[in-house]
Amino acid sequence: MNRLYVGNLSYSTTDDGLRAFFSEAGDVSEAEIVIDRATGRSKGFAFVTMATDEAAQKAINVLNGQPLDNRALRIDFAKPKEDRPRSSFGASADDRPRFGGGDSRGGFGGARSGGYSGGRSGGDSRGSLGGARSGGDARGGRSGDARGDSRGAGRPGGRREYGDDY
C-alpha cells in the first residue's frame, strides 16, 4: 500500500510543490491535489503515490506534521475507494427527497397549497379567492384580524409566538 492521503493542504500548494516535498522520502510516482469541480480550487487535500511501500512508510514517519506552505500536513495511508451508487440530484439512496416541498402541510410546493400559502392561512389548491379553510385566497384572503388573514391571532403586526396554535 503505497498510496497516501495528504490533508490540511494550503490552497496555494501545487502538484509540483507537493511532489518536491515528498521526494525527500523517496521516489514519487504521482502527486495529485484534489480540485473542486464547481470552483476550480483545491479542496485542501491530495493523494500521493510513492514508488515503494517502504518510501510510503518513510513519508508518513518523516513528513507527517511537517509544514508545507505554512500548514502542518496530515499524512496517512489512503483508504481504498469504495464503490458507492450515485444518487440523482435531490434524492437519497432510498429514493426519498432530501429537500423541497411536497407534503400536505402547505408552504412551498405543498400538495394542497398550490405554491406559497402565506403561512397556512387558508386557500384552496388553485389559489383562487374564497378558499376552503379560512375563506381567503392563497395569500391570506379576507378573514381574521385587521391584516386580512388569520395569522395574527390578536397580536400586533400579525406575528405569532412560539407555542401558538395554528
C-alpha atoms as a PDB file:
ATOM      1  CA  MET A   1       0.000   0.000   0.000  1.00  0.00           C
ATOM      2  CA  ASN A   2       1.938   2.972  -1.258  1.00  0.00           C
ATOM      3  CA  ARG A   3      -0.861   5.500  -1.866  1.00  0.00           C
ATOM      4  CA  LEU A   4      -1.008   8.257   0.747  1.00  0.00           C
ATOM      5  CA  TYR A   5      -3.700  10.706   1.836  1.00  0.00           C
ATOM      6  CA  VAL A   6      -2.348  14.203   2.485  1.00  0.00           C
ATOM      7  CA  GLY A   7      -4.616  16.562   4.419  1.00  0.00           C
ATOM      8  CA  ASN A   8      -4.536  20.149   5.660  1.00  0.00           C
ATOM      9  CA  LEU A   9      -3.010  21.462   2.437  1.00  0.00           C
ATOM     10  CA  SER A  10      -2.802  25.158   1.733  1.00  0.00           C
ATOM     11  CA  TYR A  11      -4.933  26.298  -1.195  1.00  0.00           C
ATOM     12  CA  SER A  12      -1.756  27.699  -2.753  1.00  0.00           C
ATOM     13  CA  THR A  13       0.069  24.336  -2.816  1.00  0.00           C
ATOM     14  CA  THR A  14       0.696  22.947  -6.313  1.00  0.00           C
ATOM     15  CA  ASP A  15       1.146  19.394  -7.598  1.00  0.00           C
ATOM     16  CA  ASP A  16       4.821  20.131  -8.328  1.00  0.00           C
ATOM     17  CA  GLY A  17       5.407  21.599  -4.872  1.00  0.00           C
ATOM     18  CA  LEU A  18       3.782  18.544  -3.284  1.00  0.00           C
ATOM     19  CA  ARG A  19       5.909  16.198  -5.427  1.00  0.00           C
ATOM     20  CA  ALA A  20       9.113  18.032  -4.418  1.00  0.00           C
ATOM     21  CA  PHE A  21       8.131  17.898  -0.724  1.00  0.00           C
ATOM     22  CA  PHE A  22       7.519  14.132  -0.808  1.00  0.00           C
ATOM     23  CA  SER A  23      10.646  13.392  -2.845  1.00  0.00           C
ATOM     24  CA  GLU A  24      12.605  13.781   0.430  1.00  0.00           C
ATOM     25  CA  ALA A  25      11.144  10.424   1.489  1.00  0.00           C
ATOM     26  CA  GLY A  26      11.712   8.585  -1.798  1.00  0.00           C
ATOM     27  CA  ASP A  27      10.611   8.337  -5.406  1.00  0.00           C
ATOM     28  CA  VAL A  28       7.164   9.824  -6.066  1.00  0.00           C
ATOM     29  CA  SER A  29       5.077   8.112  -8.757  1.00  0.00           C
ATOM     30  CA  GLU A  30       2.184  10.549  -8.641  1.00  0.00           C
ATOM     31  CA  ALA A  31       1.133  13.648  -6.681  1.00  0.00           C
ATOM     32  CA  GLU A  32      -2.363  14.964  -7.318  1.00  0.00           C
ATOM     33  CA  ILE A  33      -4.225  17.686  -5.426  1.00  0.00           C
ATOM     34  CA  VAL A  34      -7.987  17.163  -5.414  1.00  0.00           C
ATOM     35  CA  ILE A  35      -9.793  20.051  -7.121  1.00  0.00           C
ATOM     36  CA  ASP A  36     -13.393  21.147  -6.564  1.00  0.00           C
ATOM     37  CA  ARG A  37     -15.167  20.906  -9.924  1.00  0.00           C
ATOM     38  CA  ALA A  38     -17.535  23.770  -9.167  1.00  0.00           C
ATOM     39  CA  THR A  39     -14.906  26.341  -8.150  1.00  0.00           C
ATOM     40  CA  GLY A  40     -11.717  25.006  -9.772  1.00  0.00           C
ATOM     41  CA  ARG A  41      -9.988  25.455  -6.412  1.00  0.00           C
ATOM     42  CA  SER A  42      -8.143  22.951  -4.225  1.00  0.00           C
ATOM     43  CA  LYS A  43     -10.248  21.070  -1.694  1.00  0.00           C
ATOM     44  CA  GLY A  44      -7.328  21.133   0.750  1.00  0.00           C
ATOM     45  CA  PHE A  45      -6.229  17.521   0.395  1.00  0.00           C
ATOM     46  CA  ALA A  46      -4.296  15.359  -2.043  1.00  0.00           C
ATOM     47  CA  PHE A  47      -3.173  11.836  -2.835  1.00  0.00           C
ATOM     48  CA  VAL A  48       0.481  10.964  -3.306  1.00  0.00           C
ATOM     49  CA  THR A  49       1.632   7.608  -4.650  1.00  0.00           C
ATOM     50  CA  MET A  50       5.141   6.610  -3.663  1.00  0.00           C
ATOM     51  CA  ALA A  51       7.207   4.177  -5.759  1.00  0.00           C
ATOM     52  CA  THR A  52       7.526   1.619  -2.927  1.00  0.00           C
ATOM     53  CA  ASP A  53       5.744   0.691   0.281  1.00  0.00           C
ATOM     54  CA  GLU A  54       8.934   1.499   2.214  1.00  0.00           C
ATOM     55  CA  ALA A  55       9.026   5.021   0.749  1.00  0.00           C
ATOM     56  CA  ALA A  56       5.364   5.500   1.697  1.00  0.00           C
ATOM     57  CA  GLN A  57       6.023   4.415   5.290  1.00  0.00           C
ATOM     58  CA  LYS A  58       9.075   6.685   5.442  1.00  0.00           C
ATOM     59  CA  ALA A  59       6.998   9.633   4.175  1.00  0.00           C
ATOM     60  CA  ILE A  60       4.481   9.089   6.981  1.00  0.00           C
ATOM     61  CA  ASN A  61       7.213   8.752   9.627  1.00  0.00           C
ATOM     62  CA  VAL A  62       9.301  11.723   8.456  1.00  0.00           C
ATOM     63  CA  LEU A  63       6.845  14.178   6.879  1.00  0.00           C
ATOM     64  CA  ASN A  64       3.622  13.815   8.917  1.00  0.00           C
ATOM     65  CA  GLY A  65       3.075  17.055  10.849  1.00  0.00           C
ATOM     66  CA  GLN A  66       5.775  18.922   8.913  1.00  0.00           C
ATOM     67  CA  PRO A  67       4.832  22.308   7.417  1.00  0.00           C
ATOM     68  CA  LEU A  68       4.318  22.856   3.693  1.00  0.00           C
ATOM     69  CA  ASP A  69       3.259  26.365   2.641  1.00  0.00           C
ATOM     70  CA  ASN A  70       2.778  27.278   6.336  1.00  0.00           C
ATOM     71  CA  ARG A  71       0.386  24.365   7.036  1.00  0.00           C
ATOM     72  CA  ALA A  72       1.224  21.271   9.110  1.00  0.00           C
ATOM     73  CA  LEU A  73       0.355  18.309   6.876  1.00  0.00           C
ATOM     74  CA  ARG A  74      -1.605  15.265   7.977  1.00  0.00           C
ATOM     75  CA  ILE A  75      -0.333  12.182   6.153  1.00  0.00           C
ATOM     76  CA  ASP A  76      -1.747   8.667   6.353  1.00  0.00           C
ATOM     77  CA  PHE A  77      -2.267   5.646   4.141  1.00  0.00           C
ATOM     78  CA  ALA A  78      -5.146   6.241   1.738  1.00  0.00           C
ATOM     79  CA  LYS A  79      -8.207   4.087   2.220  1.00  0.00           C
ATOM     80  CA  PRO A  80      -9.363   2.167  -0.839  1.00  0.00           C
ATOM     81  CA  LYS A  81     -12.062   3.879  -2.864  1.00  0.00           C
ATOM     82  CA  GLU A  82     -15.403   2.220  -2.176  1.00  0.00           C
ATOM     83  CA  ASP A  83     -17.962   1.511  -4.844  1.00  0.00           C
ATOM     84  CA  ARG A  84     -20.932   3.644  -3.959  1.00  0.00           C
ATOM     85  CA  PRO A  85     -24.067   4.154  -6.018  1.00  0.00           C
ATOM     86  CA  ARG A  86     -24.518   7.592  -7.491  1.00  0.00           C
ATOM     87  CA  SER A  87     -27.827   9.077  -6.479  1.00  0.00           C
ATOM     88  CA  SER A  88     -29.694  11.562  -8.567  1.00  0.00           C
ATOM     89  CA  PHE A  89     -29.815  15.201  -7.529  1.00  0.00           C
ATOM     90  CA  GLY A  90     -32.464  15.746  -4.880  1.00  0.00           C
ATOM     91  CA  ALA A  91     -32.911  12.115  -3.883  1.00  0.00           C
ATOM     92  CA  SER A  92     -31.116   9.912  -1.424  1.00  0.00           C
ATOM     93  CA  ALA A  93     -30.239   6.276  -1.880  1.00  0.00           C
ATOM     94  CA  ASP A  94     -33.650   5.212  -0.564  1.00  0.00           C
ATOM     95  CA  ASP A  95     -35.433   7.458  -3.100  1.00  0.00           C
ATOM     96  CA  ARG A  96     -36.797   9.915  -0.532  1.00  0.00           C
ATOM     97  CA  PRO A  97     -36.411  13.567  -1.446  1.00  0.00           C
ATOM     98  CA  ARG A  98     -33.773  15.407   0.602  1.00  0.00           C
ATOM     99  CA  PHE A  99     -35.273  18.833   0.168  1.00  0.00           C
ATOM    100  CA  GLY A 100     -38.203  20.654  -1.361  1.00  0.00           C
ATOM    101  CA  GLY A 101     -41.875  20.612  -0.552  1.00  0.00           C
ATOM    102  CA  GLY A 102     -44.436  18.039  -1.381  1.00  0.00           C
ATOM    103  CA  ASP A 103     -46.034  17.371   1.969  1.00  0.00           C
ATOM    104  CA  SER A 104     -49.645  18.156   2.741  1.00  0.00           C
ATOM    105  CA  ARG A 105     -48.974  20.891   5.284  1.00  0.00           C
ATOM    106  CA  GLY A 106     -48.736  23.766   2.842  1.00  0.00           C
ATOM    107  CA  GLY A 107     -45.770  26.002   2.245  1.00  0.00           C
ATOM    108  CA  PHE A 108     -43.652  25.962  -0.864  1.00  0.00           C
ATOM    109  CA  GLY A 109     -44.740  23.185  -3.194  1.00  0.00           C
ATOM    110  CA  GLY A 110     -47.140  21.519  -0.771  1.00  0.00           C
ATOM    111  CA  ALA A 111     -49.897  19.280  -2.129  1.00  0.00           C
ATOM    112  CA  ARG A 112     -52.788  21.500  -1.032  1.00  0.00           C
ATOM    113  CA  SER A 113     -51.088  24.854  -1.168  1.00  0.00           C
ATOM    114  CA  GLY A 114     -50.531  25.372  -4.882  1.00  0.00           C
ATOM    115  CA  GLY A 115     -47.293  27.148  -4.016  1.00  0.00           C
ATOM    116  CA  TYR A 116     -46.673  29.584  -1.211  1.00  0.00           C
ATOM    117  CA  SER A 117     -49.652  29.549   1.111  1.00  0.00           C
ATOM    118  CA  GLY A 118     -48.781  32.529   3.281  1.00  0.00           C
ATOM    119  CA  GLY A 119     -48.233  30.604   6.476  1.00  0.00           C
ATOM    120  CA  ARG A 120     -51.193  28.233   6.262  1.00  0.00           C
ATOM    121  CA  SER A 121     -53.740  30.995   6.471  1.00  0.00           C
ATOM    122  CA  GLY A 122     -56.027  29.311   4.007  1.00  0.00           C
ATOM    123  CA  GLY A 123     -56.789  28.979   0.393  1.00  0.00           C
ATOM    124  CA  ASP A 124     -57.590  26.161  -1.895  1.00  0.00           C
ATOM    125  CA  SER A 125     -55.097  24.329  -4.041  1.00  0.00           C
ATOM    126  CA  ARG A 126     -55.693  26.636  -7.026  1.00  0.00           C
ATOM    127  CA  GLY A 127     -55.020  29.835  -5.088  1.00  0.00           C
ATOM    128  CA  SER A 128     -58.371  31.342  -6.066  1.00  0.00           C
ATOM    129  CA  LEU A 129     -60.496  33.683  -3.968  1.00  0.00           C
ATOM    130  CA  GLY A 130     -62.879  32.153  -1.481  1.00  0.00           C
ATOM    131  CA  GLY A 131     -60.535  29.402  -0.297  1.00  0.00           C
ATOM    132  CA  ALA A 132     -61.559  26.328   1.599  1.00  0.00           C
ATOM    133  CA  ARG A 133     -60.290  26.720   5.152  1.00  0.00           C
ATOM    134  CA  SER A 134     -60.388  30.357   6.159  1.00  0.00           C
ATOM    135  CA  GLY A 135     -62.241  31.906   3.281  1.00  0.00           C
ATOM    136  CA  GLY A 136     -59.227  33.631   1.757  1.00  0.00           C
ATOM    137  CA  ASP A 137     -57.066  33.277  -1.263  1.00  0.00           C
ATOM    138  CA  ALA A 138     -53.680  31.547  -1.229  1.00  0.00           C
ATOM    139  CA  ARG A 139     -52.027  34.722   0.120  1.00  0.00           C
ATOM    140  CA  GLY A 140     -54.262  35.110   3.136  1.00  0.00           C
ATOM    141  CA  GLY A 141     -57.578  36.481   1.882  1.00  0.00           C
ATOM    142  CA  ARG A 142     -60.045  38.458   3.963  1.00  0.00           C
ATOM    143  CA  SER A 143     -60.855  36.743   7.214  1.00  0.00           C
ATOM    144  CA  GLY A 144     -59.333  37.063  10.642  1.00  0.00           C
ATOM    145  CA  ASP A 145     -57.539  40.095  12.012  1.00  0.00           C
ATOM    146  CA  ALA A 146     -57.007  43.580  10.587  1.00  0.00           C
ATOM    147  CA  ARG A 147     -54.241  42.406   8.252  1.00  0.00           C
ATOM    148  CA  GLY A 148     -56.712  40.294   6.295  1.00  0.00           C
ATOM    149  CA  ASP A 149     -55.616  36.834   7.340  1.00  0.00           C
ATOM    150  CA  SER A 150     -55.916  34.531  10.305  1.00  0.00           C
ATOM    151  CA  ARG A 151     -52.212  34.513  11.180  1.00  0.00           C
ATOM    152  CA  GLY A 152     -52.380  37.333  13.677  1.00  0.00           C
ATOM    153  CA  ALA A 153     -54.267  35.587  16.445  1.00  0.00           C
ATOM    154  CA  GLY A 154     -54.864  39.018  18.001  1.00  0.00           C
ATOM    155  CA  ARG A 155     -51.177  40.007  18.213  1.00  0.00           C
ATOM    156  CA  PRO A 156     -49.988  43.400  16.971  1.00  0.00           C
ATOM    157  CA  GLY A 157     -48.472  43.163  13.497  1.00  0.00           C
ATOM    158  CA  GLY A 158     -49.944  39.733  12.934  1.00  0.00           C
ATOM    159  CA  ARG A 159     -46.962  37.898  14.472  1.00  0.00           C
ATOM    160  CA  ARG A 160     -47.105  34.504  16.083  1.00  0.00           C
ATOM    161  CA  GLU A 161     -45.061  33.419  19.000  1.00  0.00           C
ATOM    162  CA  TYR A 162     -43.710  30.028  19.909  1.00  0.00           C
ATOM    163  CA  GLY A 163     -46.481  27.764  21.095  1.00  0.00           C
ATOM    164  CA  ASP A 164     -49.376  29.480  19.286  1.00  0.00           C
ATOM    165  CA  ASP A 165     -51.884  27.076  17.853  1.00  0.00           C
ATOM    166  CA  TYR A 166     -52.364  27.109  14.119  1.00  0.00           C
END
